[in-house]
Each structure stands twice: as C-alpha cells, then as structure tokens.
C-alpha cells in the first residue's frame, strides 16, 4: 500500500515509493548534526531501532499478510 496507488498499488508503485522514502531517509542522515559529522550513540541507537522495526514489519507482513484482501 502506498500513496501512489492506495490499496490497489502494484509492486512498481511500491518500489518507486520505497525508493523515494529511502532517498529521503538517506538525505536526512547523511550529515548528522554535531561536530566532526560523527555518529553519536543516540544516532546509532536510533538506527538500530529503525532497522529492528523494518525487520519486524517485513516479517509480520510475510507471515500475517495484513495488506492482502481476504
């Protein structure tokens, strides 16, 4: 499901939307604030949380198929 096609969005619309989200996310984290541009512990913890949530969402969708019409 994506804003490009709603509930009936196909794989290509989802791929485009996901790529746009990835590009936006990478743009946001490419230069973290702080001196020297180094990742601090808070940014690493945030990154680990995002990775864990993404993994959980992918696994949950695979096993429970929440976005599929019955």
Protein backbone atom coordinates (compact mmCIF):
# COMPACT_ATOMS: atom_id res chain seq x y z
CA UNK A 1 0.00 0.00 0.00
CA UNK A 2 1.41 3.37 -0.98
CA UNK A 3 0.07 6.90 -1.52
CA UNK A 4 0.79 6.42 -5.24
CA UNK A 5 -1.85 3.76 -5.71
CA UNK A 6 -3.60 3.21 -2.41
CA UNK A 7 -4.80 -0.28 -1.57
CA UNK A 8 -4.50 -1.35 -5.20
CA UNK A 9 -0.93 -0.14 -5.71
CA UNK A 10 1.21 -2.62 -7.58
CA UNK A 11 4.77 -3.65 -7.00
CA UNK A 12 6.21 -0.90 -9.22
CA UNK A 13 4.33 1.87 -7.43
CA UNK A 14 5.53 0.44 -4.13
CA UNK A 15 9.09 0.21 -5.45
CA UNK A 16 9.02 3.87 -6.55
CA UNK A 17 7.52 4.97 -3.23
CA UNK A 18 10.01 2.89 -1.22
CA UNK A 19 12.92 4.26 -3.23
CA UNK A 20 11.72 7.82 -2.61
CA UNK A 21 11.49 7.07 1.11
CA UNK A 22 14.97 5.54 1.13
CA UNK A 23 16.43 8.56 -0.69
CA UNK A 24 14.73 10.95 1.72
CA UNK A 25 15.93 8.99 4.74
CA UNK A 26 19.49 8.85 3.46
CA UNK A 27 19.41 12.58 2.80
CA UNK A 28 18.30 13.20 6.38
CA UNK A 29 21.03 11.08 7.95
CA UNK A 30 23.86 11.87 5.53
CA UNK A 31 25.13 14.72 7.70
CA UNK A 32 24.16 14.25 11.32
CA UNK A 33 24.39 17.35 13.49
CA UNK A 34 27.33 17.68 15.80
CA UNK A 35 30.95 18.47 15.41
CA UNK A 36 33.03 16.41 13.07
CA UNK A 37 30.00 14.80 11.47
CA UNK A 38 30.40 11.67 13.59
CA UNK A 39 27.59 9.40 14.63
CA UNK A 40 26.97 9.60 18.35
CA UNK A 41 25.46 6.86 20.48
CA UNK A 42 21.96 8.34 20.17
CA UNK A 43 22.10 8.18 16.37
CA UNK A 44 23.38 4.62 16.42
CA UNK A 45 20.57 3.62 18.80
CA UNK A 46 18.05 5.29 16.51
CA UNK A 47 19.48 3.46 13.50
CA UNK A 48 19.28 0.14 15.31
CA UNK A 49 15.67 0.86 16.25
CA UNK A 50 14.77 1.69 12.66
CA UNK A 51 16.44 -1.49 11.42
CA UNK A 52 14.65 -3.61 14.04
CA UNK A 53 11.26 -2.07 13.23
CA UNK A 54 11.82 -2.56 9.49
CA UNK A 55 12.74 -6.20 10.02
CA UNK A 56 9.70 -6.74 12.24
CA UNK A 57 7.40 -5.11 9.66
CA UNK A 58 8.78 -7.26 6.82
CA UNK A 59 8.48 -10.48 8.83
CA UNK A 60 4.98 -9.60 10.10
CA UNK A 61 3.77 -8.84 6.59
CA UNK A 62 5.23 -12.08 5.30
CA UNK A 63 3.61 -14.25 8.00
CA UNK A 64 0.35 -12.42 8.65
CA UNK A 65 -0.35 -10.83 5.23
CA UNK A 66 -2.10 -7.82 6.75
CA UNK A 67 -2.32 -5.87 3.50
CA UNK A 68 -3.94 -8.62 1.41
CA UNK A 69 -7.67 -8.74 0.78
CA UNK A 70 -9.25 -11.92 2.18
